[in-house]
Amino acid sequence: MNIEVNALRRAVEPLTHMMSGLGLKVSFQGGSALTEFDPDTGMPKRVVLPMIPGDADPDLISAFHGYLDHEVAHCMYTKLSKSMLKECENSTLQTIHNMVEDARIEKLMCRRFRGSAFNFQKLREKVFPSSNFILAEDGNFAEYQRFMQALLYSIRALSGQASIFKSLAKFPSALTLSATILTNVLAIVCAAWKRQKTALSWPKTSSRTWT
């Protein structure tokens, strides 16, 4: 087993506690990460990180650090009230809020821990490969998925993630859709979230966690 991977596995839980200041349960499963919030208190209670293979290369290890930094940032900066969790449970509004929140907390994390910027970039290279941007350009891709994907890229580009903007700029239709979203939709969504109103009928999703 890679010595660095072995050391990383042993250090993750105490590192998470140290960085967040919270005594959280940390577990490893699957290939993605999430932070689970207590629906009664709105406080983070568990962090799930992806399994990392024993022969992981340096880029994958850096991406893993990006997952860790991202979930710790949720624990440090994401504040969810009980009413927020209840009103937005399993909704598209939750998904959109999470998109905005992800970009916000990563920016805050980079200000506090400068090394996080490198880890986040390696993570983005893994999570947002160039092939993903082609989907936003494909007219046959379902309109709802195209909208949500373009919204995700728009929010991250607007937050200052230069690599996302450069990739998005290569696909004119996706960029146009993103610009339309930013000018006509994002302000409405943010205002609706601020008022915590859920009068619109949002398509349901199955997730209750905030990744």
C-alpha atoms as a PDB file:
ATOM      1  CA  MET A   1       0.000   0.000   0.000  1.00  0.00           C
ATOM      2  CA  ASN A   2       1.145   3.551  -0.784  1.00  0.00           C
ATOM      3  CA  ILE A   3       2.655   4.937   2.450  1.00  0.00           C
ATOM      4  CA  GLU A   4       1.083   8.345   1.833  1.00  0.00           C
ATOM      5  CA  VAL A   5      -2.365   6.793   1.388  1.00  0.00           C
ATOM      6  CA  ASN A   6      -2.013   4.786   4.592  1.00  0.00           C
ATOM      7  CA  ALA A   7      -0.941   7.880   6.546  1.00  0.00           C
ATOM      8  CA  LEU A   8      -3.785   9.893   5.017  1.00  0.00           C
ATOM      9  CA  ARG A   9      -6.391   7.331   6.062  1.00  0.00           C
ATOM     10  CA  ARG A  10      -5.152   7.405   9.656  1.00  0.00           C
ATOM     11  CA  ALA A  11      -5.026  11.203   9.775  1.00  0.00           C
ATOM     12  CA  VAL A  12      -8.395  12.027   8.188  1.00  0.00           C
ATOM     13  CA  GLU A  13     -10.634  11.874  11.271  1.00  0.00           C
ATOM     14  CA  PRO A  14      -8.388  13.868  13.650  1.00  0.00           C
ATOM     15  CA  LEU A  15      -7.657  16.299  10.807  1.00  0.00           C
ATOM     16  CA  THR A  16     -11.382  16.796  10.226  1.00  0.00           C
ATOM     17  CA  HIS A  17     -11.936  17.433  13.939  1.00  0.00           C
ATOM     18  CA  MET A  18      -9.042  19.873  14.088  1.00  0.00           C
ATOM     19  CA  MET A  19     -10.042  21.866  11.016  1.00  0.00           C
ATOM     20  CA  SER A  20     -13.746  22.082  11.810  1.00  0.00           C
ATOM     21  CA  GLY A  21     -13.567  22.274  15.596  1.00  0.00           C
ATOM     22  CA  LEU A  22     -16.371  19.710  15.755  1.00  0.00           C
ATOM     23  CA  GLY A  23     -16.376  16.096  16.932  1.00  0.00           C
ATOM     24  CA  LEU A  24     -17.835  14.562  13.790  1.00  0.00           C
ATOM     25  CA  LYS A  25     -18.155  10.969  12.761  1.00  0.00           C
ATOM     26  CA  VAL A  26     -16.108  10.289   9.627  1.00  0.00           C
ATOM     27  CA  SER A  27     -16.622   7.263   7.388  1.00  0.00           C
ATOM     28  CA  PHE A  28     -15.369   6.054   3.988  1.00  0.00           C
ATOM     29  CA  GLN A  29     -17.632   4.656   1.295  1.00  0.00           C
ATOM     30  CA  GLY A  30     -18.246   4.801  -2.440  1.00  0.00           C
ATOM     31  CA  GLY A  31     -16.682   7.312  -4.775  1.00  0.00           C
ATOM     32  CA  SER A  32     -18.126  10.630  -3.630  1.00  0.00           C
ATOM     33  CA  ALA A  33     -18.363  12.764  -0.503  1.00  0.00           C
ATOM     34  CA  LEU A  34     -21.122  14.381   1.553  1.00  0.00           C
ATOM     35  CA  THR A  35     -21.866  16.041   4.854  1.00  0.00           C
ATOM     36  CA  GLU A  36     -24.978  14.891   6.682  1.00  0.00           C
ATOM     37  CA  PHE A  37     -26.857  17.441   8.782  1.00  0.00           C
ATOM     38  CA  ASP A  38     -29.058  16.725  11.762  1.00  0.00           C
ATOM     39  CA  PRO A  39     -32.658  17.637  10.738  1.00  0.00           C
ATOM     40  CA  ASP A  40     -33.507  18.624  14.324  1.00  0.00           C
ATOM     41  CA  THR A  41     -30.583  20.968  14.957  1.00  0.00           C
ATOM     42  CA  GLY A  42     -29.330  21.928  11.498  1.00  0.00           C
ATOM     43  CA  MET A  43     -25.799  21.030  12.625  1.00  0.00           C
ATOM     44  CA  PRO A  44     -23.416  18.733  10.753  1.00  0.00           C
ATOM     45  CA  LYS A  45     -23.209  15.288  12.303  1.00  0.00           C
ATOM     46  CA  ARG A  46     -21.344  13.047   9.843  1.00  0.00           C
ATOM     47  CA  VAL A  47     -18.830  13.364   7.023  1.00  0.00           C
ATOM     48  CA  VAL A  48     -18.583  10.680   4.342  1.00  0.00           C
ATOM     49  CA  LEU A  49     -15.447  10.560   2.206  1.00  0.00           C
ATOM     50  CA  PRO A  50     -14.752   8.354  -0.835  1.00  0.00           C
ATOM     51  CA  MET A  51     -12.680   5.224  -0.552  1.00  0.00           C
ATOM     52  CA  ILE A  52      -9.133   5.822  -1.732  1.00  0.00           C
ATOM     53  CA  PRO A  53      -7.232   2.917  -3.326  1.00  0.00           C
ATOM     54  CA  GLY A  54      -3.922   1.860  -1.868  1.00  0.00           C
ATOM     55  CA  ASP A  55      -2.124   2.554  -5.157  1.00  0.00           C
ATOM     56  CA  ALA A  56      -3.561   6.066  -5.626  1.00  0.00           C
ATOM     57  CA  ASP A  57      -1.359   8.452  -7.624  1.00  0.00           C
ATOM     58  CA  PRO A  58      -0.488  11.988  -6.412  1.00  0.00           C
ATOM     59  CA  ASP A  59      -3.296  13.646  -8.419  1.00  0.00           C
ATOM     60  CA  LEU A  60      -5.915  11.338  -6.913  1.00  0.00           C
ATOM     61  CA  ILE A  61      -4.523  11.940  -3.429  1.00  0.00           C
ATOM     62  CA  SER A  62      -4.754  15.704  -4.028  1.00  0.00           C
ATOM     63  CA  ALA A  63      -8.341  15.262  -5.250  1.00  0.00           C
ATOM     64  CA  PHE A  64      -9.106  13.316  -2.064  1.00  0.00           C
ATOM     65  CA  HIS A  65      -7.714  16.241  -0.063  1.00  0.00           C
ATOM     66  CA  GLY A  66     -10.099  18.416  -2.103  1.00  0.00           C
ATOM     67  CA  TYR A  67     -13.043  16.259  -1.000  1.00  0.00           C
ATOM     68  CA  LEU A  68     -11.864  16.522   2.591  1.00  0.00           C
ATOM     69  CA  ASP A  69     -11.413  20.303   2.401  1.00  0.00           C
ATOM     70  CA  HIS A  70     -14.844  20.686   0.792  1.00  0.00           C
ATOM     71  CA  GLU A  71     -16.699  18.713   3.458  1.00  0.00           C
ATOM     72  CA  VAL A  72     -14.790  20.405   6.283  1.00  0.00           C
ATOM     73  CA  ALA A  73     -15.772  23.736   4.706  1.00  0.00           C
ATOM     74  CA  HIS A  74     -19.427  22.681   4.913  1.00  0.00           C
ATOM     75  CA  CYS A  75     -18.933  21.957   8.612  1.00  0.00           C
ATOM     76  CA  MET A  76     -17.270  25.319   9.180  1.00  0.00           C
ATOM     77  CA  TYR A  77     -19.391  27.639   7.059  1.00  0.00           C
ATOM     78  CA  THR A  78     -22.738  26.063   6.099  1.00  0.00           C
ATOM     79  CA  LYS A  79     -25.529  27.114   8.460  1.00  0.00           C
ATOM     80  CA  LEU A  80     -28.844  25.351   7.995  1.00  0.00           C
ATOM     81  CA  SER A  81     -31.896  26.004  10.120  1.00  0.00           C
ATOM     82  CA  LYS A  82     -34.437  23.309  10.894  1.00  0.00           C
ATOM     83  CA  SER A  83     -36.984  25.121   8.716  1.00  0.00           C
ATOM     84  CA  MET A  84     -34.558  25.212   5.769  1.00  0.00           C
ATOM     85  CA  LEU A  85     -33.965  21.482   5.974  1.00  0.00           C
ATOM     86  CA  LYS A  86     -37.674  20.753   6.207  1.00  0.00           C
ATOM     87  CA  GLU A  87     -38.946  23.164   3.540  1.00  0.00           C
ATOM     88  CA  CYS A  88     -36.290  22.277   0.957  1.00  0.00           C
ATOM     89  CA  GLU A  89     -36.037  18.553   1.657  1.00  0.00           C
ATOM     90  CA  ASN A  90     -35.446  16.518  -1.508  1.00  0.00           C
ATOM     91  CA  SER A  91     -36.168  19.459  -3.803  1.00  0.00           C
ATOM     92  CA  THR A  92     -34.536  21.188  -6.736  1.00  0.00           C
ATOM     93  CA  LEU A  93     -34.335  24.289  -4.534  1.00  0.00           C
ATOM     94  CA  GLN A  94     -32.050  22.315  -2.210  1.00  0.00           C
ATOM     95  CA  THR A  95     -29.908  21.343  -5.208  1.00  0.00           C
ATOM     96  CA  ILE A  96     -29.610  24.960  -6.368  1.00  0.00           C
ATOM     97  CA  HIS A  97     -28.838  26.169  -2.857  1.00  0.00           C
ATOM     98  CA  ASN A  98     -26.143  23.524  -2.633  1.00  0.00           C
ATOM     99  CA  MET A  99     -24.595  24.723  -5.904  1.00  0.00           C
ATOM    100  CA  VAL A 100     -24.323  28.269  -4.552  1.00  0.00           C
ATOM    101  CA  GLU A 101     -23.180  27.079  -1.141  1.00  0.00           C
ATOM    102  CA  ASP A 102     -20.471  24.831  -2.615  1.00  0.00           C
ATOM    103  CA  ALA A 103     -18.906  27.722  -4.516  1.00  0.00           C
ATOM    104  CA  ARG A 104     -19.196  30.043  -1.490  1.00  0.00           C
ATOM    105  CA  ILE A 105     -17.603  27.715   1.052  1.00  0.00           C
ATOM    106  CA  GLU A 106     -14.748  26.747  -1.268  1.00  0.00           C
ATOM    107  CA  LYS A 107     -13.897  30.427  -1.668  1.00  0.00           C
ATOM    108  CA  LEU A 108     -13.975  30.936   2.105  1.00  0.00           C
ATOM    109  CA  MET A 109     -11.878  27.810   2.649  1.00  0.00           C
ATOM    110  CA  CYS A 110      -9.201  29.067   0.241  1.00  0.00           C
ATOM    111  CA  ARG A 111      -8.987  32.342   2.138  1.00  0.00           C
ATOM    112  CA  ARG A 112      -8.392  30.531   5.425  1.00  0.00           C
ATOM    113  CA  PHE A 113      -6.283  27.593   4.178  1.00  0.00           C
ATOM    114  CA  ARG A 114      -4.389  28.671   1.049  1.00  0.00           C
ATOM    115  CA  GLY A 115      -3.327  25.131   0.185  1.00  0.00           C
ATOM    116  CA  SER A 116      -6.970  24.265  -0.382  1.00  0.00           C
ATOM    117  CA  ALA A 117      -6.914  26.051  -3.746  1.00  0.00           C
ATOM    118  CA  PHE A 118      -4.578  23.407  -5.190  1.00  0.00           C
ATOM    119  CA  ASN A 119      -6.649  20.565  -3.729  1.00  0.00           C
ATOM    120  CA  PHE A 120      -9.891  22.031  -5.080  1.00  0.00           C
ATOM    121  CA  GLN A 121      -8.393  22.419  -8.553  1.00  0.00           C
ATOM    122  CA  LYS A 122      -7.365  18.760  -8.601  1.00  0.00           C
ATOM    123  CA  LEU A 123     -10.851  17.821  -7.426  1.00  0.00           C
ATOM    124  CA  ARG A 124     -12.482  19.896 -10.184  1.00  0.00           C
ATOM    125  CA  GLU A 125     -10.335  18.165 -12.791  1.00  0.00           C
ATOM    126  CA  LYS A 126     -11.769  14.870 -11.553  1.00  0.00           C
ATOM    127  CA  VAL A 127     -15.394  15.938 -11.040  1.00  0.00           C
ATOM    128  CA  PHE A 128     -15.772  18.316 -14.022  1.00  0.00           C
ATOM    129  CA  PRO A 129     -13.949  16.650 -16.958  1.00  0.00           C
ATOM    130  CA  SER A 130     -14.194  18.247 -20.407  1.00  0.00           C
ATOM    131  CA  SER A 131     -16.719  15.603 -21.500  1.00  0.00           C
ATOM    132  CA  ASN A 132     -19.226  17.023 -19.024  1.00  0.00           C
ATOM    133  CA  PHE A 133     -19.276  20.374 -20.781  1.00  0.00           C
ATOM    134  CA  ILE A 134     -20.250  18.688 -24.041  1.00  0.00           C
ATOM    135  CA  LEU A 135     -23.508  17.603 -22.397  1.00  0.00           C
ATOM    136  CA  ALA A 136     -24.462  21.216 -21.770  1.00  0.00           C
ATOM    137  CA  GLU A 137     -23.922  21.840 -25.499  1.00  0.00           C
ATOM    138  CA  ASP A 138     -25.948  18.825 -26.679  1.00  0.00           C
ATOM    139  CA  GLY A 139     -29.434  19.775 -27.826  1.00  0.00           C
ATOM    140  CA  ASN A 140     -30.601  16.189 -27.306  1.00  0.00           C
ATOM    141  CA  PHE A 141     -29.695  16.302 -23.635  1.00  0.00           C
ATOM    142  CA  ALA A 142     -32.872  16.734 -21.538  1.00  0.00           C
ATOM    143  CA  GLU A 143     -33.679  20.414 -21.061  1.00  0.00           C
ATOM    144  CA  TYR A 144     -33.890  20.155 -17.268  1.00  0.00           C
ATOM    145  CA  GLN A 145     -30.459  18.482 -17.038  1.00  0.00           C
ATOM    146  CA  ARG A 146     -28.952  21.026 -19.440  1.00  0.00           C
ATOM    147  CA  PHE A 147     -30.373  23.869 -17.381  1.00  0.00           C
ATOM    148  CA  MET A 148     -29.093  22.467 -14.084  1.00  0.00           C
ATOM    149  CA  GLN A 149     -25.668  21.677 -15.490  1.00  0.00           C
ATOM    150  CA  ALA A 150     -25.283  25.115 -17.058  1.00  0.00           C
ATOM    151  CA  LEU A 151     -26.448  26.697 -13.803  1.00  0.00           C
ATOM    152  CA  LEU A 152     -23.808  24.748 -11.887  1.00  0.00           C
ATOM    153  CA  TYR A 153     -21.040  25.886 -14.233  1.00  0.00           C
ATOM    154  CA  SER A 154     -22.330  29.467 -14.213  1.00  0.00           C
ATOM    155  CA  ILE A 155     -22.271  29.708 -10.429  1.00  0.00           C
ATOM    156  CA  ARG A 156     -18.759  28.292 -10.195  1.00  0.00           C
ATOM    157  CA  ALA A 157     -17.464  30.541 -12.991  1.00  0.00           C
ATOM    158  CA  LEU A 158     -19.065  33.574 -11.346  1.00  0.00           C
ATOM    159  CA  SER A 159     -17.388  32.715  -8.035  1.00  0.00           C
ATOM    160  CA  GLY A 160     -13.984  33.069  -9.681  1.00  0.00           C
ATOM    161  CA  GLN A 161     -13.148  29.490 -10.687  1.00  0.00           C
ATOM    162  CA  ALA A 162     -11.183  30.339 -13.814  1.00  0.00           C
ATOM    163  CA  SER A 163     -10.765  26.766 -15.059  1.00  0.00           C
ATOM    164  CA  ILE A 164     -14.541  26.282 -15.137  1.00  0.00           C
ATOM    165  CA  PHE A 165     -15.052  29.534 -17.059  1.00  0.00           C
ATOM    166  CA  LYS A 166     -12.369  28.626 -19.615  1.00  0.00           C
ATOM    167  CA  SER A 167     -13.921  25.208 -20.207  1.00  0.00           C
ATOM    168  CA  LEU A 168     -17.424  26.649 -20.454  1.00  0.00           C
ATOM    169  CA  ALA A 169     -16.288  29.308 -22.934  1.00  0.00           C
ATOM    170  CA  LYS A 170     -15.366  26.592 -25.457  1.00  0.00           C
ATOM    171  CA  PHE A 171     -19.043  25.700 -25.929  1.00  0.00           C
ATOM    172  CA  PRO A 172     -21.091  28.677 -27.291  1.00  0.00           C
ATOM    173  CA  SER A 173     -24.571  27.274 -26.651  1.00  0.00           C
ATOM    174  CA  ALA A 174     -23.716  26.295 -23.111  1.00  0.00           C
ATOM    175  CA  LEU A 175     -22.161  29.712 -22.488  1.00  0.00           C
ATOM    176  CA  THR A 176     -25.245  31.476 -23.872  1.00  0.00           C
ATOM    177  CA  LEU A 177     -27.525  29.379 -21.699  1.00  0.00           C
ATOM    178  CA  SER A 178     -25.328  30.127 -18.688  1.00  0.00           C
ATOM    179  CA  ALA A 179     -25.415  33.866 -19.386  1.00  0.00           C
ATOM    180  CA  THR A 180     -29.202  33.758 -19.639  1.00  0.00           C
ATOM    181  CA  ILE A 181     -29.394  31.930 -16.330  1.00  0.00           C
ATOM    182  CA  LEU A 182     -27.132  34.405 -14.588  1.00  0.00           C
ATOM    183  CA  THR A 183     -29.024  37.459 -15.822  1.00  0.00           C
ATOM    184  CA  ASN A 184     -32.619  36.256 -15.569  1.00  0.00           C
ATOM    185  CA  VAL A 185     -32.863  33.362 -13.139  1.00  0.00           C
ATOM    186  CA  LEU A 186     -30.174  33.377 -10.460  1.00  0.00           C
ATOM    187  CA  ALA A 187     -31.357  36.587  -8.791  1.00  0.00           C
ATOM    188  CA  ILE A 188     -34.907  35.204  -8.577  1.00  0.00           C
ATOM    189  CA  VAL A 189     -33.710  31.892  -7.112  1.00  0.00           C
ATOM    190  CA  CYS A 190     -31.523  33.610  -4.505  1.00  0.00           C
ATOM    191  CA  ALA A 191     -34.327  35.963  -3.507  1.00  0.00           C
ATOM    192  CA  ALA A 192     -36.746  33.057  -3.162  1.00  0.00           C
ATOM    193  CA  TRP A 193     -34.252  31.159  -1.038  1.00  0.00           C
ATOM    194  CA  LYS A 194     -33.659  34.198   1.170  1.00  0.00           C
ATOM    195  CA  ARG A 195     -37.363  34.426   1.882  1.00  0.00           C
ATOM    196  CA  GLN A 196     -37.435  30.652   2.431  1.00  0.00           C
ATOM    197  CA  LYS A 197     -40.515  30.308   0.307  1.00  0.00           C
ATOM    198  CA  THR A 198     -41.224  27.084  -1.524  1.00  0.00           C
ATOM    199  CA  ALA A 199     -44.396  27.962  -3.342  1.00  0.00           C
ATOM    200  CA  LEU A 200     -43.118  26.659  -6.686  1.00  0.00           C
ATOM    201  CA  SER A 201     -43.492  22.990  -7.521  1.00  0.00           C
ATOM    202  CA  TRP A 202     -39.923  21.722  -7.814  1.00  0.00           C
ATOM    203  CA  PRO A 203     -39.009  18.331  -9.304  1.00  0.00           C
ATOM    204  CA  LYS A 204     -38.112  15.887  -6.527  1.00  0.00           C
ATOM    205  CA  THR A 205     -34.699  14.356  -5.954  1.00  0.00           C
ATOM    206  CA  SER A 206     -33.700  11.555  -3.603  1.00  0.00           C
ATOM    207  CA  SER A 207     -30.909  13.252  -1.654  1.00  0.00           C
ATOM    208  CA  ARG A 208     -31.203  14.694   1.806  1.00  0.00           C
ATOM    209  CA  THR A 209     -27.504  15.324   2.260  1.00  0.00           C
ATOM    210  CA  TRP A 210     -25.436  18.328   1.173  1.00  0.00           C
ATOM    211  CA  THR A 211     -22.450  17.379  -0.914  1.00  0.00           C
END
